N, C-alpha and C. Protein backbone atom coordinates (compact mmCIF):
# COMPACT_ATOMS: atom_id res chain seq x y z
N MET A 1 12.78 -35.64 -27.45
CA MET A 1 11.40 -35.22 -27.34
C MET A 1 11.13 -34.82 -25.89
N VAL A 2 10.43 -33.71 -25.71
CA VAL A 2 10.03 -33.25 -24.39
C VAL A 2 8.53 -33.42 -24.27
N ILE A 3 8.10 -34.06 -23.19
CA ILE A 3 6.68 -34.29 -22.95
C ILE A 3 6.23 -33.39 -21.82
N SER A 4 5.10 -32.73 -22.02
CA SER A 4 4.53 -31.88 -20.99
C SER A 4 3.29 -32.56 -20.42
N ASP A 5 3.24 -32.69 -19.09
CA ASP A 5 2.12 -33.32 -18.43
C ASP A 5 1.56 -32.35 -17.39
N VAL A 6 0.24 -32.34 -17.24
CA VAL A 6 -0.41 -31.42 -16.30
C VAL A 6 0.06 -31.67 -14.87
N ILE A 7 0.23 -32.91 -14.49
CA ILE A 7 0.60 -33.26 -13.12
C ILE A 7 2.11 -33.27 -12.91
N TYR A 8 2.86 -33.89 -13.83
CA TYR A 8 4.28 -34.14 -13.62
C TYR A 8 5.21 -33.13 -14.28
N GLY A 9 4.66 -32.18 -15.02
CA GLY A 9 5.49 -31.16 -15.65
C GLY A 9 6.13 -31.65 -16.94
N GLU A 10 7.31 -31.12 -17.25
CA GLU A 10 7.99 -31.47 -18.50
C GLU A 10 9.11 -32.48 -18.24
N PHE A 11 9.21 -33.43 -19.16
CA PHE A 11 10.24 -34.47 -19.08
C PHE A 11 10.83 -34.70 -20.46
N LYS A 12 12.12 -34.94 -20.50
CA LYS A 12 12.78 -35.37 -21.74
C LYS A 12 12.77 -36.89 -21.74
N VAL A 13 12.37 -37.46 -22.88
CA VAL A 13 12.32 -38.92 -22.98
C VAL A 13 13.36 -39.41 -23.98
N ASP A 14 13.79 -40.65 -23.78
CA ASP A 14 14.78 -41.27 -24.65
C ASP A 14 14.20 -41.54 -26.03
N GLN A 15 15.08 -41.79 -26.98
CA GLN A 15 14.69 -42.05 -28.37
C GLN A 15 13.75 -43.24 -28.48
N VAL A 16 14.03 -44.32 -27.75
CA VAL A 16 13.20 -45.52 -27.85
C VAL A 16 11.79 -45.24 -27.32
N VAL A 17 11.67 -44.43 -26.27
CA VAL A 17 10.35 -44.07 -25.74
C VAL A 17 9.62 -43.16 -26.72
N GLU A 18 10.36 -42.25 -27.35
CA GLU A 18 9.76 -41.38 -28.36
C GLU A 18 9.19 -42.20 -29.51
N GLU A 19 9.95 -43.19 -29.97
CA GLU A 19 9.47 -44.05 -31.05
C GLU A 19 8.21 -44.80 -30.64
N LEU A 20 8.15 -45.23 -29.40
CA LEU A 20 6.96 -45.91 -28.90
C LEU A 20 5.77 -44.96 -28.85
N ILE A 21 5.99 -43.76 -28.35
CA ILE A 21 4.90 -42.78 -28.21
C ILE A 21 4.31 -42.38 -29.55
N VAL A 22 5.15 -42.24 -30.58
CA VAL A 22 4.64 -41.82 -31.89
C VAL A 22 4.13 -42.98 -32.73
N SER A 23 4.22 -44.21 -32.21
CA SER A 23 3.73 -45.37 -32.96
C SER A 23 2.20 -45.34 -33.06
N ASN A 24 1.67 -45.93 -34.11
CA ASN A 24 0.23 -45.93 -34.34
C ASN A 24 -0.58 -46.55 -33.20
N PRO A 25 -0.18 -47.70 -32.64
CA PRO A 25 -0.98 -48.26 -31.54
C PRO A 25 -1.09 -47.32 -30.33
N VAL A 26 -0.01 -46.62 -30.01
CA VAL A 26 -0.06 -45.71 -28.86
C VAL A 26 -0.84 -44.44 -29.22
N GLN A 27 -0.67 -43.93 -30.42
CA GLN A 27 -1.41 -42.75 -30.85
C GLN A 27 -2.92 -43.01 -30.88
N ARG A 28 -3.30 -44.25 -31.13
CA ARG A 28 -4.71 -44.64 -31.15
C ARG A 28 -5.37 -44.39 -29.79
N LEU A 29 -4.59 -44.44 -28.72
CA LEU A 29 -5.12 -44.24 -27.37
C LEU A 29 -5.66 -42.83 -27.16
N LYS A 30 -5.28 -41.89 -28.02
CA LYS A 30 -5.78 -40.52 -27.91
C LYS A 30 -7.29 -40.44 -28.15
N GLY A 31 -7.83 -41.43 -28.85
CA GLY A 31 -9.27 -41.42 -29.15
C GLY A 31 -10.11 -42.23 -28.17
N ILE A 32 -9.48 -42.76 -27.12
CA ILE A 32 -10.20 -43.58 -26.15
C ILE A 32 -10.18 -42.86 -24.81
N HIS A 33 -11.35 -42.51 -24.31
CA HIS A 33 -11.44 -41.77 -23.05
C HIS A 33 -11.23 -42.71 -21.87
N GLN A 34 -10.50 -42.24 -20.88
CA GLN A 34 -10.17 -43.03 -19.71
C GLN A 34 -11.42 -43.43 -18.92
N ASN A 35 -12.38 -42.54 -18.81
CA ASN A 35 -13.57 -42.78 -18.00
C ASN A 35 -14.84 -42.92 -18.83
N GLY A 36 -14.71 -43.45 -20.02
CA GLY A 36 -15.89 -43.65 -20.86
C GLY A 36 -16.51 -42.33 -21.28
N ALA A 37 -17.83 -42.27 -21.20
CA ALA A 37 -18.56 -41.09 -21.68
C ALA A 37 -18.74 -40.02 -20.61
N SER A 38 -18.08 -40.16 -19.47
CA SER A 38 -18.25 -39.18 -18.39
C SER A 38 -17.78 -37.78 -18.80
N TYR A 39 -16.90 -37.70 -19.79
CA TYR A 39 -16.44 -36.40 -20.26
C TYR A 39 -17.58 -35.59 -20.87
N LEU A 40 -18.67 -36.26 -21.24
CA LEU A 40 -19.83 -35.55 -21.78
C LEU A 40 -20.56 -34.78 -20.67
N LEU A 41 -20.43 -35.23 -19.44
CA LEU A 41 -21.08 -34.57 -18.30
C LEU A 41 -20.23 -33.43 -17.75
N ASN A 42 -18.92 -33.60 -17.80
CA ASN A 42 -18.02 -32.59 -17.25
C ASN A 42 -16.78 -32.52 -18.14
N GLU A 43 -16.56 -31.39 -18.76
CA GLU A 43 -15.44 -31.26 -19.71
C GLU A 43 -14.08 -31.39 -19.03
N ASN A 44 -14.01 -31.25 -17.71
CA ASN A 44 -12.75 -31.42 -16.98
C ASN A 44 -12.33 -32.87 -16.89
N TRP A 45 -13.24 -33.80 -17.17
CA TRP A 45 -12.94 -35.23 -17.11
C TRP A 45 -12.49 -35.76 -18.47
N ASN A 46 -12.03 -34.91 -19.34
CA ASN A 46 -11.64 -35.28 -20.69
C ASN A 46 -10.20 -35.81 -20.71
N VAL A 47 -10.00 -36.96 -20.08
CA VAL A 47 -8.68 -37.59 -20.02
C VAL A 47 -8.72 -38.84 -20.89
N THR A 48 -7.72 -38.99 -21.74
CA THR A 48 -7.68 -40.15 -22.63
C THR A 48 -6.75 -41.23 -22.09
N ARG A 49 -6.86 -42.40 -22.67
CA ARG A 49 -5.94 -43.49 -22.30
C ARG A 49 -4.50 -43.10 -22.62
N PHE A 50 -4.32 -42.28 -23.66
CA PHE A 50 -2.98 -41.80 -24.00
C PHE A 50 -2.43 -40.94 -22.86
N ASP A 51 -3.24 -39.97 -22.41
CA ASP A 51 -2.81 -39.10 -21.31
C ASP A 51 -2.45 -39.93 -20.08
N HIS A 52 -3.29 -40.91 -19.77
CA HIS A 52 -3.05 -41.77 -18.62
C HIS A 52 -1.76 -42.56 -18.78
N SER A 53 -1.56 -43.13 -19.95
CA SER A 53 -0.36 -43.95 -20.20
C SER A 53 0.91 -43.13 -20.10
N VAL A 54 0.90 -41.94 -20.68
CA VAL A 54 2.08 -41.07 -20.60
C VAL A 54 2.32 -40.64 -19.16
N GLY A 55 1.25 -40.33 -18.43
CA GLY A 55 1.38 -39.95 -17.03
C GLY A 55 1.98 -41.07 -16.19
N VAL A 56 1.54 -42.30 -16.43
CA VAL A 56 2.09 -43.44 -15.70
C VAL A 56 3.56 -43.64 -16.05
N MET A 57 3.90 -43.48 -17.32
CA MET A 57 5.30 -43.61 -17.74
C MET A 57 6.16 -42.56 -17.03
N LEU A 58 5.67 -41.33 -16.95
CA LEU A 58 6.43 -40.27 -16.28
C LEU A 58 6.55 -40.54 -14.78
N LEU A 59 5.49 -41.06 -14.17
CA LEU A 59 5.53 -41.40 -12.75
C LEU A 59 6.56 -42.48 -12.48
N VAL A 60 6.56 -43.53 -13.29
CA VAL A 60 7.53 -44.62 -13.11
C VAL A 60 8.95 -44.10 -13.34
N LYS A 61 9.12 -43.28 -14.37
CA LYS A 61 10.45 -42.71 -14.64
C LYS A 61 10.92 -41.89 -13.45
N ASN A 62 10.02 -41.14 -12.85
CA ASN A 62 10.34 -40.33 -11.68
C ASN A 62 10.73 -41.21 -10.50
N LEU A 63 10.04 -42.32 -10.30
CA LEU A 63 10.35 -43.24 -9.21
C LEU A 63 11.69 -43.93 -9.41
N VAL A 64 11.99 -44.30 -10.64
CA VAL A 64 13.24 -45.00 -10.94
C VAL A 64 14.43 -44.08 -10.73
N VAL A 65 14.29 -42.81 -11.08
CA VAL A 65 15.38 -41.85 -10.94
C VAL A 65 15.72 -41.64 -9.47
N GLN A 66 14.72 -41.68 -8.61
CA GLN A 66 14.95 -41.47 -7.18
C GLN A 66 15.60 -42.69 -6.63
């Protein structure tokens, strides 16, 4: 699976990470906004907990590789 992120670009993830990402508990994070209702004031703030979690995973993966 290849994940595309606005900040970190594209990354290939391992099978175990793919299974985690497609699991129901992680997919549920797509419906929870990172900054609450602030996305109603500015559409650019439409970041979900899912986006944040995947971004953090990519950041950590990037740090570990270095």
